[in-house]
Amino acid sequence: MITNTDKCPSCGHNGLIDKVQEETLTYGGKSMTLHDMHGKFCPECGEGIWDEVSYRRYTEAQEGLVRAIKGDASADIRRIRRKLNLTQAQLALSFGIGKIAFSRYERGESKPPAPVLKLLKLIDRHPDLLKEIQQM
């Protein structure tokens, strides 16, 4: 069905077409296919707009795929902290970050800065580095 009132967000063509199609997501060498994705698509350039349900499915699947590749940062932080036998406050002090920050990172309420996460992963592999960091 052609809807003449809808305009393509990319090329401006009038008349997007309602379609149901598959969408393949790829990240870090892994792929997944979402079936029965509903939206309106431009017959000229192929650009499309997902409906609300399909858009939610797409974003949730995308986040899940990234988590599957990168891992869960909050779980990694908690595991490393426990391995080091430190409280959140002690780890925060070692990093020069507020103690509430690590609590938020571990609960997934906020995303840790990339350098903090990289440093934690290094300390996970080389726990002796923690003493050097604490002396700085």
C-alpha atoms as a PDB file:
ATOM      1  CA  MET A   1       0.000   0.000   0.000  1.00  0.00           C
ATOM      2  CA  ILE A   2       1.406   3.403  -0.953  1.00  0.00           C
ATOM      3  CA  THR A   3       0.874   6.246   1.474  1.00  0.00           C
ATOM      4  CA  ASN A   4       1.179   9.522  -0.417  1.00  0.00           C
ATOM      5  CA  THR A   5       1.250  11.643   2.721  1.00  0.00           C
ATOM      6  CA  ASP A   6       4.537  10.175   3.941  1.00  0.00           C
ATOM      7  CA  LYS A   7       7.798  11.700   2.789  1.00  0.00           C
ATOM      8  CA  CYS A   8      11.147   9.872   2.716  1.00  0.00           C
ATOM      9  CA  PRO A   9      13.473  11.263   5.408  1.00  0.00           C
ATOM     10  CA  SER A  10      16.478  10.668   3.160  1.00  0.00           C
ATOM     11  CA  CYS A  11      15.574  11.727  -0.388  1.00  0.00           C
ATOM     12  CA  GLY A  12      12.243  13.530   0.139  1.00  0.00           C
ATOM     13  CA  HIS A  13      10.306  11.258  -2.222  1.00  0.00           C
ATOM     14  CA  ASN A  14       6.564  11.234  -1.554  1.00  0.00           C
ATOM     15  CA  GLY A  15       4.837   7.886  -1.231  1.00  0.00           C
ATOM     16  CA  LEU A  16       6.467   5.501   1.216  1.00  0.00           C
ATOM     17  CA  ILE A  17       5.372   1.873   0.937  1.00  0.00           C
ATOM     18  CA  ASP A  18       4.279  -0.262   3.899  1.00  0.00           C
ATOM     19  CA  LYS A  19       6.479  -3.373   3.975  1.00  0.00           C
ATOM     20  CA  VAL A  20       7.271  -6.340   6.165  1.00  0.00           C
ATOM     21  CA  GLN A  21      10.824  -7.560   5.772  1.00  0.00           C
ATOM     22  CA  GLU A  22      13.802  -9.144   7.459  1.00  0.00           C
ATOM     23  CA  GLU A  23      16.628  -7.063   8.884  1.00  0.00           C
ATOM     24  CA  THR A  24      20.101  -8.459   9.522  1.00  0.00           C
ATOM     25  CA  LEU A  25      22.254  -6.902  12.223  1.00  0.00           C
ATOM     26  CA  THR A  26      26.013  -7.439  12.199  1.00  0.00           C
ATOM     27  CA  TYR A  27      28.540  -6.489  14.847  1.00  0.00           C
ATOM     28  CA  GLY A  28      32.004  -7.793  15.636  1.00  0.00           C
ATOM     29  CA  GLY A  29      31.758 -10.615  13.098  1.00  0.00           C
ATOM     30  CA  LYS A  30      28.438 -11.932  14.455  1.00  0.00           C
ATOM     31  CA  SER A  31      25.070 -11.528  12.778  1.00  0.00           C
ATOM     32  CA  MET A  32      21.447 -12.003  13.662  1.00  0.00           C
ATOM     33  CA  THR A  33      18.307 -11.701  11.555  1.00  0.00           C
ATOM     34  CA  LEU A  34      15.091 -10.122  12.762  1.00  0.00           C
ATOM     35  CA  HIS A  35      11.974 -11.431  11.020  1.00  0.00           C
ATOM     36  CA  ASP A  36       8.632  -9.698  10.404  1.00  0.00           C
ATOM     37  CA  MET A  37       9.959  -6.177  10.769  1.00  0.00           C
ATOM     38  CA  HIS A  38       7.248  -3.637   9.848  1.00  0.00           C
ATOM     39  CA  GLY A  39       7.843  -0.188   8.437  1.00  0.00           C
ATOM     40  CA  LYS A  40       7.414   2.283   5.605  1.00  0.00           C
ATOM     41  CA  PHE A  41      10.062   2.324   2.883  1.00  0.00           C
ATOM     42  CA  CYS A  42      10.980   4.601   0.010  1.00  0.00           C
ATOM     43  CA  PRO A  43      10.681   3.015  -3.454  1.00  0.00           C
ATOM     44  CA  GLU A  44      13.310   5.447  -4.767  1.00  0.00           C
ATOM     45  CA  CYS A  45      16.237   5.155  -2.345  1.00  0.00           C
ATOM     46  CA  GLY A  46      15.235   2.228  -0.113  1.00  0.00           C
ATOM     47  CA  GLU A  47      15.397   4.242   3.136  1.00  0.00           C
ATOM     48  CA  GLY A  48      12.830   3.190   5.702  1.00  0.00           C
ATOM     49  CA  ILE A  49      11.196   3.992   8.994  1.00  0.00           C
ATOM     50  CA  TRP A  50      10.356   1.136  11.369  1.00  0.00           C
ATOM     51  CA  ASP A  51       7.053   1.165  13.192  1.00  0.00           C
ATOM     52  CA  GLU A  52       7.221   1.517  16.990  1.00  0.00           C
ATOM     53  CA  VAL A  53       7.241  -2.210  17.792  1.00  0.00           C
ATOM     54  CA  SER A  54       9.818  -3.075  15.137  1.00  0.00           C
ATOM     55  CA  TYR A  55      12.023  -0.166  16.182  1.00  0.00           C
ATOM     56  CA  ARG A  56      11.967  -1.399  19.805  1.00  0.00           C
ATOM     57  CA  ARG A  57      12.807  -4.945  18.665  1.00  0.00           C
ATOM     58  CA  TYR A  58      15.655  -3.590  16.519  1.00  0.00           C
ATOM     59  CA  THR A  59      17.224  -1.502  19.297  1.00  0.00           C
ATOM     60  CA  GLU A  60      16.908  -4.305  21.877  1.00  0.00           C
ATOM     61  CA  ALA A  61      18.466  -6.813  19.486  1.00  0.00           C
ATOM     62  CA  GLN A  62      21.260  -4.380  18.625  1.00  0.00           C
ATOM     63  CA  GLU A  63      22.056  -3.783  22.307  1.00  0.00           C
ATOM     64  CA  GLY A  64      21.996  -7.529  22.959  1.00  0.00           C
ATOM     65  CA  LEU A  65      24.354  -8.243  20.076  1.00  0.00           C
ATOM     66  CA  VAL A  66      26.829  -5.596  21.255  1.00  0.00           C
ATOM     67  CA  ARG A  67      26.649  -6.966  24.829  1.00  0.00           C
ATOM     68  CA  ALA A  68      27.243 -10.499  23.537  1.00  0.00           C
ATOM     69  CA  ILE A  69      30.409  -9.342  21.764  1.00  0.00           C
ATOM     70  CA  LYS A  70      31.755  -6.829  24.291  1.00  0.00           C
ATOM     71  CA  GLY A  71      30.462  -8.467  27.438  1.00  0.00           C
ATOM     72  CA  ASP A  72      28.575  -6.919  30.306  1.00  0.00           C
ATOM     73  CA  ALA A  73      30.692  -4.088  31.723  1.00  0.00           C
ATOM     74  CA  SER A  74      28.806  -3.991  35.031  1.00  0.00           C
ATOM     75  CA  ALA A  75      29.344  -7.718  35.630  1.00  0.00           C
ATOM     76  CA  ASP A  76      33.023  -7.393  34.655  1.00  0.00           C
ATOM     77  CA  ILE A  77      33.571  -4.536  37.101  1.00  0.00           C
ATOM     78  CA  ARG A  78      31.887  -6.404  39.956  1.00  0.00           C
ATOM     79  CA  ARG A  79      33.831  -9.613  39.197  1.00  0.00           C
ATOM     80  CA  ILE A  80      37.190  -7.808  39.034  1.00  0.00           C
ATOM     81  CA  ARG A  81      36.517  -5.818  42.216  1.00  0.00           C
ATOM     82  CA  ARG A  82      35.587  -8.971  44.100  1.00  0.00           C
ATOM     83  CA  LYS A  83      38.617 -10.795  42.717  1.00  0.00           C
ATOM     84  CA  LEU A  84      40.776  -7.988  44.117  1.00  0.00           C
ATOM     85  CA  ASN A  85      38.911  -8.314  47.437  1.00  0.00           C
ATOM     86  CA  LEU A  86      38.023  -4.599  47.490  1.00  0.00           C
ATOM     87  CA  THR A  87      34.915  -2.675  48.413  1.00  0.00           C
ATOM     88  CA  GLN A  88      33.464  -0.217  45.938  1.00  0.00           C
ATOM     89  CA  ALA A  89      34.777   2.620  48.109  1.00  0.00           C
ATOM     90  CA  GLN A  90      38.301   1.169  48.155  1.00  0.00           C
ATOM     91  CA  LEU A  91      38.331   0.692  44.387  1.00  0.00           C
ATOM     92  CA  ALA A  92      36.969   4.190  43.843  1.00  0.00           C
ATOM     93  CA  LEU A  93      39.702   5.633  46.068  1.00  0.00           C
ATOM     94  CA  SER A  94      42.352   3.735  44.083  1.00  0.00           C
ATOM     95  CA  PHE A  95      41.021   5.214  40.849  1.00  0.00           C
ATOM     96  CA  GLY A  96      40.401   8.703  42.203  1.00  0.00           C
ATOM     97  CA  ILE A  97      36.697   8.420  41.417  1.00  0.00           C
ATOM     98  CA  GLY A  98      33.752   9.004  43.740  1.00  0.00           C
ATOM     99  CA  LYS A  99      32.584   5.885  45.575  1.00  0.00           C
ATOM    100  CA  ILE A 100      29.038   6.230  44.216  1.00  0.00           C
ATOM    101  CA  ALA A 101      30.391   5.930  40.662  1.00  0.00           C
ATOM    102  CA  PHE A 102      31.441   2.289  41.029  1.00  0.00           C
ATOM    103  CA  SER A 103      28.100   1.445  42.586  1.00  0.00           C
ATOM    104  CA  ARG A 104      26.358   2.942  39.555  1.00  0.00           C
ATOM    105  CA  TYR A 105      28.716   1.129  37.166  1.00  0.00           C
ATOM    106  CA  GLU A 106      28.060  -2.217  38.836  1.00  0.00           C
ATOM    107  CA  ARG A 107      24.284  -1.705  38.778  1.00  0.00           C
ATOM    108  CA  GLY A 108      24.428  -0.681  35.112  1.00  0.00           C
ATOM    109  CA  GLU A 109      22.949   2.737  35.892  1.00  0.00           C
ATOM    110  CA  SER A 110      25.823   4.544  34.223  1.00  0.00           C
ATOM    111  CA  LYS A 111      28.482   3.534  31.772  1.00  0.00           C
ATOM    112  CA  PRO A 112      32.062   3.635  33.029  1.00  0.00           C
ATOM    113  CA  PRO A 113      34.519   5.734  31.021  1.00  0.00           C
ATOM    114  CA  ALA A 114      36.449   3.568  28.551  1.00  0.00           C
ATOM    115  CA  PRO A 115      39.842   4.261  30.225  1.00  0.00           C
ATOM    116  CA  VAL A 116      38.493   3.063  33.598  1.00  0.00           C
ATOM    117  CA  LEU A 117      37.203  -0.151  32.050  1.00  0.00           C
ATOM    118  CA  LYS A 118      40.466  -0.752  30.176  1.00  0.00           C
ATOM    119  CA  LEU A 119      42.509  -0.142  33.300  1.00  0.00           C
ATOM    120  CA  LEU A 120      40.330  -2.546  35.285  1.00  0.00           C
ATOM    121  CA  LYS A 121      40.796  -5.222  32.634  1.00  0.00           C
ATOM    122  CA  LEU A 122      44.563  -4.714  32.791  1.00  0.00           C
ATOM    123  CA  ILE A 123      44.469  -5.020  36.578  1.00  0.00           C
ATOM    124  CA  ASP A 124      42.375  -8.168  36.180  1.00  0.00           C
ATOM    125  CA  ARG A 125      45.209  -9.696  34.120  1.00  0.00           C
ATOM    126  CA  HIS A 126      47.995  -8.160  36.231  1.00  0.00           C
ATOM    127  CA  PRO A 127      46.734  -7.647  39.819  1.00  0.00           C
ATOM    128  CA  ASP A 128      50.160  -6.381  40.920  1.00  0.00           C
ATOM    129  CA  LEU A 129      49.438  -3.155  38.982  1.00  0.00           C
ATOM    130  CA  LEU A 130      46.842  -2.221  41.587  1.00  0.00           C
ATOM    131  CA  LYS A 131      49.582  -1.502  44.158  1.00  0.00           C
ATOM    132  CA  GLU A 132      51.296   0.840  41.709  1.00  0.00           C
ATOM    133  CA  ILE A 133      48.044   2.661  41.017  1.00  0.00           C
ATOM    134  CA  GLN A 134      47.319   3.021  44.726  1.00  0.00           C
ATOM    135  CA  GLN A 135      50.751   4.594  45.273  1.00  0.00           C
ATOM    136  CA  MET A 136      50.222   7.280  42.630  1.00  0.00           C
END
